[in-house]
Amino acid sequence: MLDPTALQALCVGAVAAAELGAVAELFHRFTPAPGETQSGITGVVLLAESHLAVHTWPELGGVTLDVYVCNMGLDNSAKARALMGELIKAFAPEQVQQQTLQRGLT
């Protein structure tokens, strides 16, 4: 949650493990807010199928993940679930709130 290079490697590796196509990536660590010693990271992996976005709040112990895949012509839902599962496993959160929205093929 504190190292953009490690977070980027984790995300790109999880994308590859889910057999999705990484096209590009960008990860940015923010400057700590006044009075804070830690700051979060925002990152995105652009996928041939759409995107993965991650936002960390180490000062709150929180992470949000957005996995979006297009399903035009091919249902990528299982790959999206695999990617999300890999990332949840890596972060090992105490609590997970997950929402799924099916788009495209049903």
PDB file of N, CA and C in Angstrom:
ATOM      1  N   MET A   1       0.805  -1.209   0.000  1.00  0.00           N
ATOM      2  CA  MET A   1       0.000   0.000   0.000  1.00  0.00           C
ATOM      3  C   MET A   1       0.841   1.263   0.000  1.00  0.00           C
ATOM      4  N   LEU A   2       2.157   1.111   0.190  1.00  0.00           N
ATOM      5  CA  LEU A   2       3.032   2.279   0.280  1.00  0.00           C
ATOM      6  C   LEU A   2       4.041   2.382  -0.856  1.00  0.00           C
ATOM      7  N   ASP A   3       4.260   1.298  -1.580  1.00  0.00           N
ATOM      8  CA  ASP A   3       5.311   1.249  -2.596  1.00  0.00           C
ATOM      9  C   ASP A   3       4.682   1.127  -3.983  1.00  0.00           C
ATOM     10  N   PRO A   4       4.707   2.202  -4.783  1.00  0.00           N
ATOM     11  CA  PRO A   4       4.053   2.140  -6.090  1.00  0.00           C
ATOM     12  C   PRO A   4       4.674   1.105  -7.022  1.00  0.00           C
ATOM     13  N   THR A   5       5.977   0.878  -6.915  1.00  0.00           N
ATOM     14  CA  THR A   5       6.625  -0.108  -7.785  1.00  0.00           C
ATOM     15  C   THR A   5       6.151  -1.516  -7.435  1.00  0.00           C
ATOM     16  N   ALA A   6       6.076  -1.818  -6.144  1.00  0.00           N
ATOM     17  CA  ALA A   6       5.601  -3.136  -5.715  1.00  0.00           C
ATOM     18  C   ALA A   6       4.122  -3.327  -6.060  1.00  0.00           C
ATOM     19  N   LEU A   7       3.322  -2.290  -5.882  1.00  0.00           N
ATOM     20  CA  LEU A   7       1.898  -2.374  -6.205  1.00  0.00           C
ATOM     21  C   LEU A   7       1.708  -2.590  -7.702  1.00  0.00           C
ATOM     22  N   GLN A   8       2.485  -1.889  -8.503  1.00  0.00           N
ATOM     23  CA  GLN A   8       2.416  -2.047  -9.949  1.00  0.00           C
ATOM     24  C   GLN A   8       2.774  -3.479 -10.342  1.00  0.00           C
ATOM     25  N   ALA A   9       3.843  -4.023  -9.770  1.00  0.00           N
ATOM     26  CA  ALA A   9       4.253  -5.394 -10.079  1.00  0.00           C
ATOM     27  C   ALA A   9       3.161  -6.388  -9.673  1.00  0.00           C
ATOM     28  N   LEU A  10       2.567  -6.178  -8.506  1.00  0.00           N
ATOM     29  CA  LEU A  10       1.478  -7.037  -8.050  1.00  0.00           C
ATOM     30  C   LEU A  10       0.322  -7.016  -9.043  1.00  0.00           C
ATOM     31  N   CYS A  11      -0.094  -5.823  -9.443  1.00  0.00           N
ATOM     32  CA  CYS A  11      -1.250  -5.682 -10.340  1.00  0.00           C
ATOM     33  C   CYS A  11      -0.972  -6.260 -11.718  1.00  0.00           C
ATOM     34  N   VAL A  12       0.180  -5.964 -12.278  1.00  0.00           N
ATOM     35  CA  VAL A  12       0.524  -6.477 -13.609  1.00  0.00           C
ATOM     36  C   VAL A  12       0.649  -7.997 -13.572  1.00  0.00           C
ATOM     37  N   GLY A  13       1.219  -8.532 -12.496  1.00  0.00           N
ATOM     38  CA  GLY A  13       1.311  -9.977 -12.346  1.00  0.00           C
ATOM     39  C   GLY A  13      -0.048 -10.640 -12.231  1.00  0.00           C
ATOM     40  N   ALA A  14      -0.951 -10.012 -11.480  1.00  0.00           N
ATOM     41  CA  ALA A  14      -2.304 -10.552 -11.326  1.00  0.00           C
ATOM     42  C   ALA A  14      -3.067 -10.503 -12.642  1.00  0.00           C
ATOM     43  N   VAL A  15      -2.860  -9.452 -13.425  1.00  0.00           N
ATOM     44  CA  VAL A  15      -3.488  -9.346 -14.751  1.00  0.00           C
ATOM     45  C   VAL A  15      -3.011 -10.498 -15.638  1.00  0.00           C
ATOM     46  N   ALA A  16      -1.710 -10.752 -15.640  1.00  0.00           N
ATOM     47  CA  ALA A  16      -1.153 -11.837 -16.450  1.00  0.00           C
ATOM     48  C   ALA A  16      -1.697 -13.191 -15.978  1.00  0.00           C
ATOM     49  N   ALA A  17      -1.764 -13.396 -14.648  1.00  0.00           N
ATOM     50  CA  ALA A  17      -2.270 -14.659 -14.108  1.00  0.00           C
ATOM     51  C   ALA A  17      -3.724 -14.895 -14.496  1.00  0.00           C
ATOM     52  N   ALA A  18      -4.488 -13.816 -14.643  1.00  0.00           N
ATOM     53  CA  ALA A  18      -5.897 -13.919 -15.038  1.00  0.00           C
ATOM     54  C   ALA A  18      -6.064 -14.032 -16.553  1.00  0.00           C
ATOM     55  N   GLU A  19      -4.937 -14.017 -17.267  1.00  0.00           N
ATOM     56  CA  GLU A  19      -4.924 -14.129 -18.732  1.00  0.00           C
ATOM     57  C   GLU A  19      -5.664 -12.988 -19.420  1.00  0.00           C
ATOM     58  N   LEU A  20      -5.496 -11.785 -18.847  1.00  0.00           N
ATOM     59  CA  LEU A  20      -5.993 -10.566 -19.479  1.00  0.00           C
ATOM     60  C   LEU A  20      -4.813  -9.846 -20.114  1.00  0.00           C
ATOM     61  N   GLY A  21      -5.084  -8.933 -21.036  1.00  0.00           N
ATOM     62  CA  GLY A  21      -4.027  -8.285 -21.801  1.00  0.00           C
ATOM     63  C   GLY A  21      -3.675  -6.894 -21.301  1.00  0.00           C
ATOM     64  N   ALA A  22      -2.553  -6.779 -20.567  1.00  0.00           N
ATOM     65  CA  ALA A  22      -2.080  -5.461 -20.120  1.00  0.00           C
ATOM     66  C   ALA A  22      -1.523  -4.701 -21.321  1.00  0.00           C
ATOM     67  N   VAL A  23      -1.978  -3.466 -21.484  1.00  0.00           N
ATOM     68  CA  VAL A  23      -1.539  -2.609 -22.582  1.00  0.00           C
ATOM     69  C   VAL A  23      -0.564  -1.548 -22.070  1.00  0.00           C
ATOM     70  N   ALA A  24      -0.848  -0.982 -20.902  1.00  0.00           N
ATOM     71  CA  ALA A  24      -0.007   0.060 -20.294  1.00  0.00           C
ATOM     72  C   ALA A  24      -0.397   0.178 -18.831  1.00  0.00           C
ATOM     73  N   GLU A  25       0.469   0.831 -18.056  1.00  0.00           N
ATOM     74  CA  GLU A  25       0.144   1.041 -16.654  1.00  0.00           C
ATOM     75  C   GLU A  25       0.764   2.334 -16.157  1.00  0.00           C
ATOM     76  N   LEU A  26       0.141   2.897 -15.125  1.00  0.00           N
ATOM     77  CA  LEU A  26       0.638   4.113 -14.489  1.00  0.00           C
ATOM     78  C   LEU A  26       0.250   4.060 -13.017  1.00  0.00           C
ATOM     79  N   PHE A  27       1.241   4.271 -12.133  1.00  0.00           N
ATOM     80  CA  PHE A  27       1.018   4.268 -10.696  1.00  0.00           C
ATOM     81  C   PHE A  27       1.640   5.527 -10.114  1.00  0.00           C
ATOM     82  N   HIS A  28       0.909   6.175  -9.211  1.00  0.00           N
ATOM     83  CA  HIS A  28       1.347   7.450  -8.649  1.00  0.00           C
ATOM     84  C   HIS A  28       1.166   7.444  -7.140  1.00  0.00           C
ATOM     85  N   ARG A  29       2.232   7.772  -6.407  1.00  0.00           N
ATOM     86  CA  ARG A  29       2.139   7.924  -4.959  1.00  0.00           C
ATOM     87  C   ARG A  29       1.949   9.404  -4.639  1.00  0.00           C
ATOM     88  N   PHE A  30       0.979   9.701  -3.799  1.00  0.00           N
ATOM     89  CA  PHE A  30       0.677  11.070  -3.433  1.00  0.00           C
ATOM     90  C   PHE A  30       1.586  11.562  -2.321  1.00  0.00           C
ATOM     91  N   THR A  31       1.756  12.861  -2.239  1.00  0.00           N
ATOM     92  CA  THR A  31       2.491  13.490  -1.144  1.00  0.00           C
ATOM     93  C   THR A  31       1.623  13.407   0.111  1.00  0.00           C
ATOM     94  N   PRO A  32       2.201  13.056   1.248  1.00  0.00           N
ATOM     95  CA  PRO A  32       1.389  12.971   2.470  1.00  0.00           C
ATOM     96  C   PRO A  32       0.705  14.305   2.793  1.00  0.00           C
ATOM     97  N   ALA A  33      -0.500  14.207   3.283  1.00  0.00           N
ATOM     98  CA  ALA A  33      -1.242  15.397   3.708  1.00  0.00           C
ATOM     99  C   ALA A  33      -0.553  15.994   4.929  1.00  0.00           C
ATOM    100  N   PRO A  34      -0.764  17.274   5.188  1.00  0.00           N
ATOM    101  CA  PRO A  34      -0.151  17.891   6.374  1.00  0.00           C
ATOM    102  C   PRO A  34      -0.484  17.098   7.637  1.00  0.00           C
ATOM    103  N   GLY A  35       0.534  16.808   8.409  1.00  0.00           N
ATOM    104  CA  GLY A  35       0.355  16.053   9.638  1.00  0.00           C
ATOM    105  C   GLY A  35       0.366  14.546   9.460  1.00  0.00           C
ATOM    106  N   GLU A  36       0.410  14.072   8.223  1.00  0.00           N
ATOM    107  CA  GLU A  36       0.427  12.637   7.944  1.00  0.00           C
ATOM    108  C   GLU A  36       1.830  12.205   7.528  1.00  0.00           C
ATOM    109  N   THR A  37       2.181  10.958   7.824  1.00  0.00           N
ATOM    110  CA  THR A  37       3.488  10.433   7.424  1.00  0.00           C
ATOM    111  C   THR A  37       3.372   9.477   6.243  1.00  0.00           C
ATOM    112  N   GLN A  38       2.168   9.020   5.967  1.00  0.00           N
ATOM    113  CA  GLN A  38       1.943   8.083   4.874  1.00  0.00           C
ATOM    114  C   GLN A  38       1.020   8.702   3.841  1.00  0.00           C
ATOM    115  N   SER A  39       1.093   8.181   2.631  1.00  0.00           N
ATOM    116  CA  SER A  39       0.180   8.633   1.587  1.00  0.00           C
ATOM    117  C   SER A  39      -0.184   7.450   0.707  1.00  0.00           C
ATOM    118  N   GLY A  40      -1.283   7.593   0.031  1.00  0.00           N
ATOM    119  CA  GLY A  40      -1.787   6.515  -0.802  1.00  0.00           C
ATOM    120  C   GLY A  40      -1.240   6.533  -2.213  1.00  0.00           C
ATOM    121  N   ILE A  41      -1.653   5.525  -2.934  1.00  0.00           N
ATOM    122  CA  ILE A  41      -1.247   5.328  -4.328  1.00  0.00           C
ATOM    123  C   ILE A  41      -2.506   5.162  -5.158  1.00  0.00           C
ATOM    124  N   THR A  42      -2.496   5.744  -6.329  1.00  0.00           N
ATOM    125  CA  THR A  42      -3.521   5.481  -7.334  1.00  0.00           C
ATOM    126  C   THR A  42      -2.814   4.864  -8.525  1.00  0.00           C
ATOM    127  N   GLY A  43      -3.386   3.786  -9.013  1.00  0.00           N
ATOM    128  CA  GLY A  43      -2.770   3.126 -10.158  1.00  0.00           C
ATOM    129  C   GLY A  43      -3.808   2.591 -11.104  1.00  0.00           C
ATOM    130  N   VAL A  44      -3.399   2.448 -12.341  1.00  0.00           N
ATOM    131  CA  VAL A  44      -4.283   1.874 -13.356  1.00  0.00           C
ATOM    132  C   VAL A  44      -3.458   0.996 -14.284  1.00  0.00           C
ATOM    133  N   VAL A  45      -4.049  -0.143 -14.633  1.00  0.00           N
ATOM    134  CA  VAL A  45      -3.499  -0.989 -15.677  1.00  0.00           C
ATOM    135  C   VAL A  45      -4.528  -0.974 -16.792  1.00  0.00           C
ATOM    136  N   LEU A  46      -4.136  -0.427 -17.916  1.00  0.00           N
ATOM    137  CA  LEU A  46      -5.001  -0.404 -19.087  1.00  0.00           C
ATOM    138  C   LEU A  46      -4.975  -1.798 -19.692  1.00  0.00           C
ATOM    139  N   LEU A  47      -6.142  -2.368 -19.898  1.00  0.00           N
ATOM    140  CA  LEU A  47      -6.264  -3.713 -20.445  1.00  0.00           C
ATOM    141  C   LEU A  47      -6.802  -3.665 -21.863  1.00  0.00           C
ATOM    142  N   ALA A  48      -6.437  -4.625 -22.661  1.00  0.00           N
ATOM    143  CA  ALA A  48      -7.049  -4.758 -23.981  1.00  0.00           C
ATOM    144  C   ALA A  48      -8.562  -4.908 -23.809  1.00  0.00           C
ATOM    145  N   GLU A  49      -8.958  -5.490 -22.660  1.00  0.00           N
ATOM    146  CA  GLU A  49     -10.365  -5.724 -22.369  1.00  0.00           C
ATOM    147  C   GLU A  49     -11.020  -4.559 -21.634  1.00  0.00           C
ATOM    148  N   SER A  50     -10.266  -3.635 -21.069  1.00  0.00           N
ATOM    149  CA  SER A  50     -10.721  -2.399 -20.432  1.00  0.00           C
ATOM    150  C   SER A  50      -9.707  -1.917 -19.402  1.00  0.00           C
ATOM    151  N   HIS A  51      -9.950  -2.089 -18.052  1.00  0.00           N
ATOM    152  CA  HIS A  51      -8.992  -1.539 -17.093  1.00  0.00           C
ATOM    153  C   HIS A  51      -9.089  -2.175 -15.707  1.00  0.00           C
ATOM    154  N   LEU A  52      -8.014  -1.998 -14.958  1.00  0.00           N
ATOM    155  CA  LEU A  52      -7.948  -2.273 -13.529  1.00  0.00           C
ATOM    156  C   LEU A  52      -7.521  -0.968 -12.876  1.00  0.00           C
ATOM    157  N   ALA A  53      -8.256  -0.520 -11.882  1.00  0.00           N
ATOM    158  CA  ALA A  53      -7.868   0.677 -11.122  1.00  0.00           C
ATOM    159  C   ALA A  53      -7.746   0.295  -9.650  1.00  0.00           C
ATOM    160  N   VAL A  54      -6.728   0.855  -8.986  1.00  0.00           N
ATOM    161  CA  VAL A  54      -6.500   0.584  -7.574  1.00  0.00           C
ATOM    162  C   VAL A  54      -6.190   1.894  -6.871  1.00  0.00           C
ATOM    163  N   HIS A  55      -6.742   2.062  -5.682  1.00  0.00           N
ATOM    164  CA  HIS A  55      -6.513   3.245  -4.868  1.00  0.00           C
ATOM    165  C   HIS A  55      -6.246   2.771  -3.450  1.00  0.00           C
ATOM    166  N   THR A  56      -5.153   3.234  -2.839  1.00  0.00           N
ATOM    167  CA  THR A  56      -4.845   2.825  -1.467  1.00  0.00           C
ATOM    168  C   THR A  56      -4.910   4.014  -0.523  1.00  0.00           C
ATOM    169  N   TRP A  57      -5.338   3.737   0.684  1.00  0.00           N
ATOM    170  CA  TRP A  57      -5.360   4.709   1.774  1.00  0.00           C
ATOM    171  C   TRP A  57      -4.681   4.049   2.972  1.00  0.00           C
ATOM    172  N   PRO A  58      -3.347   4.030   3.008  1.00  0.00           N
ATOM    173  CA  PRO A  58      -2.657   3.334   4.106  1.00  0.00           C
ATOM    174  C   PRO A  58      -2.974   3.935   5.469  1.00  0.00           C
ATOM    175  N   GLU A  59      -3.239   5.216   5.521  1.00  0.00           N
ATOM    176  CA  GLU A  59      -3.558   5.845   6.806  1.00  0.00           C
ATOM    177  C   GLU A  59      -4.888   5.349   7.358  1.00  0.00           C
ATOM    178  N   LEU A  60      -5.731   4.803   6.475  1.00  0.00           N
ATOM    179  CA  LEU A  60      -7.021   4.251   6.890  1.00  0.00           C
ATOM    180  C   LEU A  60      -7.038   2.726   6.802  1.00  0.00           C
ATOM    181  N   GLY A  61      -5.981   2.149   6.253  1.00  0.00           N
ATOM    182  CA  GLY A  61      -5.936   0.703   6.050  1.00  0.00           C
ATOM    183  C   GLY A  61      -6.910   0.243   4.983  1.00  0.00           C
ATOM    184  N   GLY A  62      -7.148   1.089   3.975  1.00  0.00           N
ATOM    185  CA  GLY A  62      -8.143   0.772   2.960  1.00  0.00           C
ATOM    186  C   GLY A  62      -7.597   0.711   1.543  1.00  0.00           C
ATOM    187  N   VAL A  63      -8.248  -0.110   0.742  1.00  0.00           N
ATOM    188  CA  VAL A  63      -7.930  -0.256  -0.681  1.00  0.00           C
ATOM    189  C   VAL A  63      -9.241  -0.373  -1.437  1.00  0.00           C
ATOM    190  N   THR A  64      -9.341   0.288  -2.584  1.00  0.00           N
ATOM    191  CA  THR A  64     -10.461   0.040  -3.486  1.00  0.00           C
ATOM    192  C   THR A  64      -9.895  -0.492  -4.788  1.00  0.00           C
ATOM    193  N   LEU A  65     -10.620  -1.429  -5.371  1.00  0.00           N
ATOM    194  CA  LEU A  65     -10.222  -2.056  -6.631  1.00  0.00           C
ATOM    195  C   LEU A  65     -11.393  -1.977  -7.593  1.00  0.00           C
ATOM    196  N   ASP A  66     -11.111  -1.654  -8.832  1.00  0.00           N
ATOM    197  CA  ASP A  66     -12.125  -1.632  -9.881  1.00  0.00           C
ATOM    198  C   ASP A  66     -11.590  -2.462 -11.034  1.00  0.00           C
ATOM    199  N   VAL A  67     -12.255  -3.566 -11.319  1.00  0.00           N
ATOM    200  CA  VAL A  67     -11.900  -4.404 -12.466  1.00  0.00           C
ATOM    201  C   VAL A  67     -13.056  -4.305 -13.438  1.00  0.00           C
ATOM    202  N   TYR A  68     -12.780  -3.788 -14.607  1.00  0.00           N
ATOM    203  CA  TYR A  68     -13.806  -3.611 -15.625  1.00  0.00           C
ATOM    204  C   TYR A  68     -13.338  -4.320 -16.882  1.00  0.00           C
ATOM    205  N   VAL A  69     -14.173  -5.194 -17.412  1.00  0.00           N
ATOM    206  CA  VAL A  69     -13.848  -5.864 -18.676  1.00  0.00           C
ATOM    207  C   VAL A  69     -15.033  -5.767 -19.623  1.00  0.00           C
ATOM    208  N   CYS A  70     -14.730  -5.610 -20.882  1.00  0.00           N
ATOM    209  CA  CYS A  70     -15.756  -5.623 -21.915  1.00  0.00           C
ATOM    210  C   CYS A  70     -16.093  -7.065 -22.248  1.00  0.00           C
ATOM    211  N   ASN A  71     -17.341  -7.309 -22.548  1.00  0.00           N
ATOM    212  CA  ASN A  71     -17.790  -8.653 -22.883  1.00  0.00           C
ATOM    213  C   ASN A  71     -18.368  -8.727 -24.293  1.00  0.00           C
ATOM    214  N   MET A  72     -17.978  -7.815 -25.141  1.00  0.00           N
ATOM    215  CA  MET A  72     -18.471  -7.834 -26.519  1.00  0.00           C
ATOM    216  C   MET A  72     -17.738  -8.930 -27.285  1.00  0.00           C
ATOM    217  N   GLY A  73     -18.489  -9.905 -27.733  1.00  0.00           N
ATOM    218  CA  GLY A  73     -17.918 -10.973 -28.541  1.00  0.00           C
ATOM    219  C   GLY A  73     -17.281 -12.088 -27.733  1.00  0.00           C
ATOM    220  N   LEU A  74     -16.932 -11.842 -26.479  1.00  0.00           N
ATOM    221  CA  LEU A  74     -16.294 -12.843 -25.626  1.00  0.00           C
ATOM    222  C   LEU A  74     -16.595 -12.493 -24.175  1.00  0.00           C
ATOM    223  N   ASP A  75     -17.032 -13.468 -23.415  1.00  0.00           N
ATOM    224  CA  ASP A  75     -17.342 -13.236 -22.003  1.00  0.00           C
ATOM    225  C   ASP A  75     -16.060 -13.324 -21.185  1.00  0.00           C
ATOM    226  N   ASN A  76     -15.594 -12.190 -20.677  1.00  0.00           N
ATOM    227  CA  ASN A  76     -14.380 -12.111 -19.861  1.00  0.00           C
ATOM    228  C   ASN A  76     -14.676 -12.089 -18.367  1.00  0.00           C
ATOM    229  N   SER A  77     -15.903 -12.402 -17.983  1.00  0.00           N
ATOM    230  CA  SER A  77     -16.310 -12.315 -16.584  1.00  0.00           C
ATOM    231  C   SER A  77     -15.469 -13.209 -15.675  1.00  0.00           C
ATOM    232  N   ALA A  78     -15.186 -14.429 -16.094  1.00  0.00           N
ATOM    233  CA  ALA A  78     -14.395 -15.345 -15.258  1.00  0.00           C
ATOM    234  C   ALA A  78     -12.981 -14.799 -15.056  1.00  0.00           C
ATOM    235  N   LYS A  79     -12.427 -14.186 -16.083  1.00  0.00           N
ATOM    236  CA  LYS A  79     -11.089 -13.591 -15.965  1.00  0.00           C
ATOM    237  C   LYS A  79     -11.111 -12.404 -15.012  1.00  0.00           C
ATOM    238  N   ALA A  80     -12.173 -11.615 -15.065  1.00  0.00           N
ATOM    239  CA  ALA A  80     -12.305 -10.479 -14.142  1.00  0.00           C
ATOM    240  C   ALA A  80     -12.416 -10.973 -12.708  1.00  0.00           C
ATOM    241  N   ARG A  81     -13.202 -12.022 -12.483  1.00  0.00           N
ATOM    242  CA  ARG A  81     -13.332 -12.591 -11.138  1.00  0.00           C
ATOM    243  C   ARG A  81     -11.989 -13.150 -10.662  1.00  0.00           C
ATOM    244  N   ALA A  82     -11.245 -13.793 -11.557  1.00  0.00           N
ATOM    245  CA  ALA A  82      -9.933 -14.338 -11.188  1.00  0.00           C
ATOM    246  C   ALA A  82      -8.979 -13.213 -10.799  1.00  0.00           C
ATOM    247  N   LEU A  83      -8.980 -12.124 -11.552  1.00  0.00           N
ATOM    248  CA  LEU A  83      -8.126 -10.973 -11.249  1.00  0.00           C
ATOM    249  C   LEU A  83      -8.484 -10.384  -9.888  1.00  0.00           C
ATOM    250  N   MET A  84      -9.761 -10.169  -9.654  1.00  0.00           N
ATOM    251  CA  MET A  84     -10.192  -9.619  -8.371  1.00  0.00           C
ATOM    252  C   MET A  84      -9.807 -10.562  -7.235  1.00  0.00           C
ATOM    253  N   GLY A  85      -9.987 -11.849  -7.433  1.00  0.00           N
ATOM    254  CA  GLY A  85      -9.640 -12.828  -6.410  1.00  0.00           C
ATOM    255  C   GLY A  85      -8.160 -12.808  -6.066  1.00  0.00           C
ATOM    256  N   GLU A  86      -7.307 -12.691  -7.068  1.00  0.00           N
ATOM    257  CA  GLU A  86      -5.857 -12.613  -6.842  1.00  0.00           C
ATOM    258  C   GLU A  86      -5.492 -11.389  -6.016  1.00  0.00           C
ATOM    259  N   LEU A  87      -6.107 -10.269  -6.335  1.00  0.00           N
ATOM    260  CA  LEU A  87      -5.782  -9.030  -5.626  1.00  0.00           C
ATOM    261  C   LEU A  87      -6.318  -9.049  -4.192  1.00  0.00           C
ATOM    262  N   ILE A  88      -7.510  -9.561  -4.006  1.00  0.00           N
ATOM    263  CA  ILE A  88      -8.048  -9.668  -2.644  1.00  0.00           C
ATOM    264  C   ILE A  88      -7.156 -10.586  -1.815  1.00  0.00           C
ATOM    265  N   LYS A  89      -6.749 -11.690  -2.394  1.00  0.00           N
ATOM    266  CA  LYS A  89      -5.848 -12.620  -1.691  1.00  0.00           C
ATOM    267  C   LYS A  89      -4.537 -11.931  -1.325  1.00  0.00           C
ATOM    268  N   ALA A  90      -3.985 -11.144  -2.222  1.00  0.00           N
ATOM    269  CA  ALA A  90      -2.710 -10.464  -1.967  1.00  0.00           C
ATOM    270  C   ALA A  90      -2.825  -9.431  -0.852  1.00  0.00           C
ATOM    271  N   PHE A  91      -3.926  -8.695  -0.806  1.00  0.00           N
ATOM    272  CA  PHE A  91      -4.107  -7.682   0.235  1.00  0.00           C
ATOM    273  C   PHE A  91      -4.546  -8.289   1.567  1.00  0.00           C
ATOM    274  N   ALA A  92      -5.156  -9.474   1.521  1.00  0.00           N
ATOM    275  CA  ALA A  92      -5.617 -10.182   2.720  1.00  0.00           C
ATOM    276  C   ALA A  92      -6.386  -9.266   3.674  1.00  0.00           C
ATOM    277  N   PRO A  93      -7.461  -8.644   3.187  1.00  0.00           N
ATOM    278  CA  PRO A  93      -8.201  -7.710   4.048  1.00  0.00           C
ATOM    279  C   PRO A  93      -8.985  -8.425   5.142  1.00  0.00           C
ATOM    280  N   GLU A  94      -9.255  -7.694   6.206  1.00  0.00           N
ATOM    281  CA  GLU A  94     -10.108  -8.210   7.273  1.00  0.00           C
ATOM    282  C   GLU A  94     -11.564  -8.236   6.836  1.00  0.00           C
ATOM    283  N   GLN A  95     -11.913  -7.328   5.937  1.00  0.00           N
ATOM    284  CA  GLN A  95     -13.300  -7.190   5.485  1.00  0.00           C
ATOM    285  C   GLN A  95     -13.299  -6.884   3.993  1.00  0.00           C
ATOM    286  N   VAL A  96     -14.246  -7.470   3.273  1.00  0.00           N
ATOM    287  CA  VAL A  96     -14.394  -7.226   1.839  1.00  0.00           C
ATOM    288  C   VAL A  96     -15.831  -6.812   1.562  1.00  0.00           C
ATOM    289  N   GLN A  97     -15.989  -5.735   0.833  1.00  0.00           N
ATOM    290  CA  GLN A  97     -17.289  -5.341   0.294  1.00  0.00           C
ATOM    291  C   GLN A  97     -17.134  -5.391  -1.213  1.00  0.00           C
ATOM    292  N   GLN A  98     -17.911  -6.240  -1.856  1.00  0.00           N
ATOM    293  CA  GLN A  98     -17.751  -6.444  -3.287  1.00  0.00           C
ATOM    294  C   GLN A  98     -19.065  -6.258  -4.005  1.00  0.00           C
ATOM    295  N   GLN A  99     -19.001  -5.621  -5.161  1.00  0.00           N
ATOM    296  CA  GLN A  99     -20.173  -5.403  -5.987  1.00  0.00           C
ATOM    297  C   GLN A  99     -19.837  -5.847  -7.402  1.00  0.00           C
ATOM    298  N   THR A 100     -20.739  -6.584  -8.025  1.00  0.00           N
ATOM    299  CA  THR A 100     -20.538  -7.053  -9.384  1.00  0.00           C
ATOM    300  C   THR A 100     -21.682  -6.551 -10.247  1.00  0.00           C
ATOM    301  N   LEU A 101     -21.323  -6.037 -11.395  1.00  0.00           N
ATOM    302  CA  LEU A 101     -22.311  -5.579 -12.364  1.00  0.00           C
ATOM    303  C   LEU A 101     -22.013  -6.285 -13.670  1.00  0.00           C
ATOM    304  N   GLN A 102     -22.933  -7.088 -14.145  1.00  0.00           N
ATOM    305  CA  GLN A 102     -22.756  -7.828 -15.409  1.00  0.00           C
ATOM    306  C   GLN A 102     -23.138  -6.923 -16.573  1.00  0.00           C
ATOM    307  N   ARG A 103     -22.211  -6.810 -17.504  1.00  0.00           N
ATOM    308  CA  ARG A 103     -22.484  -6.018 -18.715  1.00  0.00           C
ATOM    309  C   ARG A 103     -22.191  -6.862 -19.925  1.00  0.00           C
ATOM    310  N   GLY A 104     -22.786  -6.512 -21.037  1.00  0.00           N
ATOM    311  CA  GLY A 104     -22.505  -7.249 -22.281  1.00  0.00           C
ATOM    312  C   GLY A 104     -23.207  -8.572 -22.308  1.00  0.00           C
ATOM    313  N   LEU A 105     -22.478  -9.619 -22.672  1.00  0.00           N
ATOM    314  CA  LEU A 105     -23.045 -10.956 -22.779  1.00  0.00           C
ATOM    315  C   LEU A 105     -23.632 -11.401 -21.456  1.00  0.00           C
ATOM    316  N   THR A 106     -24.738 -12.091 -21.517  1.00  0.00           N
ATOM    317  CA  THR A 106     -25.350 -12.620 -20.294  1.00  0.00           C
ATOM    318  C   THR A 106     -25.520 -14.110 -20.384  1.00  0.00           C
TER     319      THR A 106
END
